[in-house]
Amino acid sequence: MTNKASFQVITMNAPHTCIPFSFEQGKRHMSYDWLADTYRHAFRLQPSLRARNLESIFKEKHNYNATLWTCMRISRKALNSIIGDYRGQFRQIRDYLWEVYKQNSGGTVKVKTWKDSQEKYIFRFVYIYRVALIKGFSPAVEGYPRYMHAS
């Protein structure tokens, strides 16, 4: 190979498309995370996709005998990645407002929620009153002009 041009592939950044091993009927093992990630788009288009339908899809497309319980876990995991975890969303609101309150001492931070018929809290609104607004508004209340006139 002294006079021939050649090249060597060192790194390839292509998507990984090989499928898990074992093509025997019903002997395949697949992870919940991979299946939930693969079918996230299907759940985005059809959130009411039933576990029984998933069983037949997995059997037909992936040669995977999934139990009903497995299909329910996969659908819950996919929907949670789309919609988000209910408690996690409220925790994020609380953490965010705590940071706003810490950075804005002297201001007001309020959250309004209500309980629905199933005893779940539903978010209504957030009220944030910043200290800079309080200080900027107070001279106008005391009779001072809020802006300077150009001469």
C-alpha atoms as a PDB file:
ATOM      1  CA  MET A   1       0.000   0.000   0.000  1.00  0.00           C
ATOM      2  CA  THR A   2       2.823   2.381  -0.584  1.00  0.00           C
ATOM      3  CA  ASN A   3       1.419   4.228  -3.619  1.00  0.00           C
ATOM      4  CA  LYS A   4      -2.330   3.951  -2.925  1.00  0.00           C
ATOM      5  CA  ALA A   5      -4.375   6.610  -1.131  1.00  0.00           C
ATOM      6  CA  SER A   6      -6.163   5.380   1.964  1.00  0.00           C
ATOM      7  CA  PHE A   7      -8.023   6.753   4.953  1.00  0.00           C
ATOM      8  CA  GLN A   8      -8.925   5.623   8.444  1.00  0.00           C
ATOM      9  CA  VAL A   9     -12.177   6.367  10.289  1.00  0.00           C
ATOM     10  CA  ILE A  10     -11.312   7.474  13.817  1.00  0.00           C
ATOM     11  CA  THR A  11     -14.627   8.846  15.066  1.00  0.00           C
ATOM     12  CA  MET A  12     -18.104   8.437  13.645  1.00  0.00           C
ATOM     13  CA  ASN A  13     -20.999  10.518  14.952  1.00  0.00           C
ATOM     14  CA  ALA A  14     -23.874   8.613  13.386  1.00  0.00           C
ATOM     15  CA  PRO A  15     -26.993   7.543  15.320  1.00  0.00           C
ATOM     16  CA  HIS A  16     -26.855   4.120  16.912  1.00  0.00           C
ATOM     17  CA  THR A  17     -29.399   2.001  15.036  1.00  0.00           C
ATOM     18  CA  CYS A  18     -28.600  -1.610  15.900  1.00  0.00           C
ATOM     19  CA  ILE A  19     -31.332  -3.513  17.732  1.00  0.00           C
ATOM     20  CA  PRO A  20     -30.976  -5.627  20.888  1.00  0.00           C
ATOM     21  CA  PHE A  21     -29.918  -9.256  20.515  1.00  0.00           C
ATOM     22  CA  SER A  22     -32.030 -12.406  20.396  1.00  0.00           C
ATOM     23  CA  PHE A  23     -34.470 -12.793  17.546  1.00  0.00           C
ATOM     24  CA  GLU A  24     -36.110 -15.885  19.005  1.00  0.00           C
ATOM     25  CA  GLN A  25     -39.841 -15.527  19.519  1.00  0.00           C
ATOM     26  CA  GLY A  26     -40.507 -13.834  22.857  1.00  0.00           C
ATOM     27  CA  LYS A  27     -36.910 -14.048  24.109  1.00  0.00           C
ATOM     28  CA  ARG A  28     -35.943 -10.415  23.610  1.00  0.00           C
ATOM     29  CA  HIS A  29     -35.221  -8.099  26.499  1.00  0.00           C
ATOM     30  CA  MET A  30     -35.707  -4.367  26.062  1.00  0.00           C
ATOM     31  CA  SER A  31     -35.422  -1.547  28.561  1.00  0.00           C
ATOM     32  CA  TYR A  32     -38.415   0.510  29.649  1.00  0.00           C
ATOM     33  CA  ASP A  33     -36.456   3.706  29.087  1.00  0.00           C
ATOM     34  CA  TRP A  34     -35.607   2.845  25.482  1.00  0.00           C
ATOM     35  CA  LEU A  35     -39.187   1.876  24.640  1.00  0.00           C
ATOM     36  CA  ALA A  36     -40.642   4.957  26.339  1.00  0.00           C
ATOM     37  CA  ASP A  37     -38.177   7.187  24.518  1.00  0.00           C
ATOM     38  CA  THR A  38     -38.825   5.461  21.189  1.00  0.00           C
ATOM     39  CA  TYR A  39     -42.615   5.775  21.473  1.00  0.00           C
ATOM     40  CA  ARG A  40     -42.714   9.261  23.018  1.00  0.00           C
ATOM     41  CA  HIS A  41     -43.766  10.762  19.671  1.00  0.00           C
ATOM     42  CA  ALA A  42     -46.636   8.262  19.385  1.00  0.00           C
ATOM     43  CA  PHE A  43     -47.862   9.263  22.859  1.00  0.00           C
ATOM     44  CA  ARG A  44     -47.540  12.937  21.955  1.00  0.00           C
ATOM     45  CA  LEU A  45     -49.867  12.370  18.991  1.00  0.00           C
ATOM     46  CA  GLN A  46     -52.179   9.945  20.793  1.00  0.00           C
ATOM     47  CA  PRO A  47     -51.940  10.286  24.605  1.00  0.00           C
ATOM     48  CA  SER A  48     -54.785   7.808  25.136  1.00  0.00           C
ATOM     49  CA  LEU A  49     -52.853   4.923  23.538  1.00  0.00           C
ATOM     50  CA  ARG A  50     -53.868   1.847  25.533  1.00  0.00           C
ATOM     51  CA  ALA A  51     -51.550  -0.742  27.042  1.00  0.00           C
ATOM     52  CA  ARG A  52     -53.250  -3.560  25.087  1.00  0.00           C
ATOM     53  CA  ASN A  53     -52.425  -1.759  21.843  1.00  0.00           C
ATOM     54  CA  LEU A  54     -48.823  -1.339  22.978  1.00  0.00           C
ATOM     55  CA  GLU A  55     -48.571  -5.081  23.599  1.00  0.00           C
ATOM     56  CA  SER A  56     -49.467  -5.834  19.988  1.00  0.00           C
ATOM     57  CA  ILE A  57     -47.196  -3.062  18.641  1.00  0.00           C
ATOM     58  CA  PHE A  58     -44.203  -4.375  20.602  1.00  0.00           C
ATOM     59  CA  LYS A  59     -44.879  -7.940  19.497  1.00  0.00           C
ATOM     60  CA  GLU A  60     -45.251  -6.963  15.845  1.00  0.00           C
ATOM     61  CA  LYS A  61     -42.449  -4.411  15.470  1.00  0.00           C
ATOM     62  CA  HIS A  62     -39.865  -5.601  17.993  1.00  0.00           C
ATOM     63  CA  ASN A  63     -40.636  -9.302  18.542  1.00  0.00           C
ATOM     64  CA  TYR A  64     -41.007  -8.480  22.245  1.00  0.00           C
ATOM     65  CA  ASN A  65     -43.577 -10.148  24.503  1.00  0.00           C
ATOM     66  CA  ALA A  66     -44.407  -7.345  26.888  1.00  0.00           C
ATOM     67  CA  THR A  67     -46.771  -7.908  29.776  1.00  0.00           C
ATOM     68  CA  LEU A  68     -49.691  -5.585  30.374  1.00  0.00           C
ATOM     69  CA  TRP A  69     -47.936  -4.229  33.470  1.00  0.00           C
ATOM     70  CA  THR A  70     -44.800  -3.492  31.435  1.00  0.00           C
ATOM     71  CA  CYS A  71     -46.844  -1.634  28.817  1.00  0.00           C
ATOM     72  CA  MET A  72     -48.535   0.439  31.516  1.00  0.00           C
ATOM     73  CA  ARG A  73     -45.139   1.364  32.994  1.00  0.00           C
ATOM     74  CA  ILE A  74     -43.799   2.320  29.569  1.00  0.00           C
ATOM     75  CA  SER A  75     -46.835   4.480  28.786  1.00  0.00           C
ATOM     76  CA  ARG A  76     -46.637   6.181  32.206  1.00  0.00           C
ATOM     77  CA  LYS A  77     -42.932   6.868  31.711  1.00  0.00           C
ATOM     78  CA  ALA A  78     -43.475   8.275  28.197  1.00  0.00           C
ATOM     79  CA  LEU A  79     -46.382  10.480  29.299  1.00  0.00           C
ATOM     80  CA  ASN A  80     -44.425  11.756  32.312  1.00  0.00           C
ATOM     81  CA  SER A  81     -41.592  12.764  30.017  1.00  0.00           C
ATOM     82  CA  ILE A  82     -44.074  14.692  27.838  1.00  0.00           C
ATOM     83  CA  ILE A  83     -46.363  16.213  30.453  1.00  0.00           C
ATOM     84  CA  GLY A  84     -44.052  16.137  33.412  1.00  0.00           C
ATOM     85  CA  ASP A  85     -44.474  14.771  36.869  1.00  0.00           C
ATOM     86  CA  TYR A  86     -47.318  16.535  38.713  1.00  0.00           C
ATOM     87  CA  ARG A  87     -45.512  16.861  42.045  1.00  0.00           C
ATOM     88  CA  GLY A  88     -42.277  17.759  40.316  1.00  0.00           C
ATOM     89  CA  GLN A  89     -43.937  20.707  38.611  1.00  0.00           C
ATOM     90  CA  PHE A  90     -45.184  22.112  41.921  1.00  0.00           C
ATOM     91  CA  ARG A  91     -41.760  21.541  43.462  1.00  0.00           C
ATOM     92  CA  GLN A  92     -40.174  23.566  40.656  1.00  0.00           C
ATOM     93  CA  ILE A  93     -42.590  26.447  41.223  1.00  0.00           C
ATOM     94  CA  ARG A  94     -41.815  26.444  44.942  1.00  0.00           C
ATOM     95  CA  ASP A  95     -38.032  26.342  44.343  1.00  0.00           C
ATOM     96  CA  TYR A  96     -38.227  29.125  41.756  1.00  0.00           C
ATOM     97  CA  LEU A  97     -40.273  31.374  44.038  1.00  0.00           C
ATOM     98  CA  TRP A  98     -37.925  30.715  46.951  1.00  0.00           C
ATOM     99  CA  GLU A  99     -35.000  31.906  44.795  1.00  0.00           C
ATOM    100  CA  VAL A 100     -36.957  35.013  43.742  1.00  0.00           C
ATOM    101  CA  TYR A 101     -37.746  35.740  47.400  1.00  0.00           C
ATOM    102  CA  LYS A 102     -34.122  35.276  48.495  1.00  0.00           C
ATOM    103  CA  GLN A 103     -32.793  37.587  45.751  1.00  0.00           C
ATOM    104  CA  ASN A 104     -35.549  40.128  46.374  1.00  0.00           C
ATOM    105  CA  SER A 105     -35.776  40.546  50.146  1.00  0.00           C
ATOM    106  CA  GLY A 106     -38.497  42.972  51.135  1.00  0.00           C
ATOM    107  CA  GLY A 107     -40.671  42.090  48.144  1.00  0.00           C
ATOM    108  CA  THR A 108     -43.782  39.934  48.045  1.00  0.00           C
ATOM    109  CA  VAL A 109     -44.154  36.506  46.471  1.00  0.00           C
ATOM    110  CA  LYS A 110     -47.507  34.702  46.495  1.00  0.00           C
ATOM    111  CA  VAL A 111     -48.854  31.569  44.816  1.00  0.00           C
ATOM    112  CA  LYS A 112     -52.559  30.890  44.436  1.00  0.00           C
ATOM    113  CA  THR A 113     -53.847  27.337  43.963  1.00  0.00           C
ATOM    114  CA  TRP A 114     -57.154  25.564  44.424  1.00  0.00           C
ATOM    115  CA  LYS A 115     -58.243  21.976  44.995  1.00  0.00           C
ATOM    116  CA  ASP A 116     -60.298  20.276  42.329  1.00  0.00           C
ATOM    117  CA  SER A 117     -62.912  17.561  42.888  1.00  0.00           C
ATOM    118  CA  GLN A 118     -60.195  14.870  43.043  1.00  0.00           C
ATOM    119  CA  GLU A 119     -58.309  16.730  45.796  1.00  0.00           C
ATOM    120  CA  LYS A 120     -55.468  17.718  43.453  1.00  0.00           C
ATOM    121  CA  TYR A 121     -54.016  21.197  43.629  1.00  0.00           C
ATOM    122  CA  ILE A 122     -54.425  23.252  40.468  1.00  0.00           C
ATOM    123  CA  PHE A 123     -52.178  26.226  39.834  1.00  0.00           C
ATOM    124  CA  ARG A 124     -53.978  29.574  39.368  1.00  0.00           C
ATOM    125  CA  PHE A 125     -51.376  32.366  39.425  1.00  0.00           C
ATOM    126  CA  VAL A 126     -48.106  33.725  40.824  1.00  0.00           C
ATOM    127  CA  TYR A 127     -47.841  37.230  42.230  1.00  0.00           C
ATOM    128  CA  ILE A 128     -44.346  38.774  42.456  1.00  0.00           C
ATOM    129  CA  TYR A 129     -43.867  42.338  43.686  1.00  0.00           C
ATOM    130  CA  ARG A 130     -40.241  43.357  43.406  1.00  0.00           C
ATOM    131  CA  VAL A 131     -38.441  45.709  45.795  1.00  0.00           C
ATOM    132  CA  ALA A 132     -37.244  47.849  42.879  1.00  0.00           C
ATOM    133  CA  LEU A 133     -40.867  48.537  41.956  1.00  0.00           C
ATOM    134  CA  ILE A 134     -41.689  49.473  45.550  1.00  0.00           C
ATOM    135  CA  LYS A 135     -38.730  51.889  45.736  1.00  0.00           C
ATOM    136  CA  GLY A 136     -39.433  53.328  42.279  1.00  0.00           C
ATOM    137  CA  PHE A 137     -43.089  53.918  43.046  1.00  0.00           C
ATOM    138  CA  SER A 138     -42.762  55.419  46.549  1.00  0.00           C
ATOM    139  CA  PRO A 139     -41.422  58.905  45.514  1.00  0.00           C
ATOM    140  CA  ALA A 140     -44.440  59.367  43.248  1.00  0.00           C
ATOM    141  CA  VAL A 141     -46.721  58.568  46.135  1.00  0.00           C
ATOM    142  CA  GLU A 142     -44.976  61.074  48.395  1.00  0.00           C
ATOM    143  CA  GLY A 143     -45.470  63.897  45.858  1.00  0.00           C
ATOM    144  CA  TYR A 144     -42.134  63.821  44.044  1.00  0.00           C
ATOM    145  CA  PRO A 145     -42.004  63.576  40.270  1.00  0.00           C
ATOM    146  CA  ARG A 146     -41.182  60.112  38.973  1.00  0.00           C
ATOM    147  CA  TYR A 147     -39.094  61.325  36.040  1.00  0.00           C
ATOM    148  CA  MET A 148     -36.703  64.125  35.264  1.00  0.00           C
ATOM    149  CA  HIS A 149     -37.610  66.889  32.778  1.00  0.00           C
ATOM    150  CA  ALA A 150     -35.024  67.696  30.128  1.00  0.00           C
ATOM    151  CA  SER A 151     -34.100  71.375  30.086  1.00  0.00           C
END
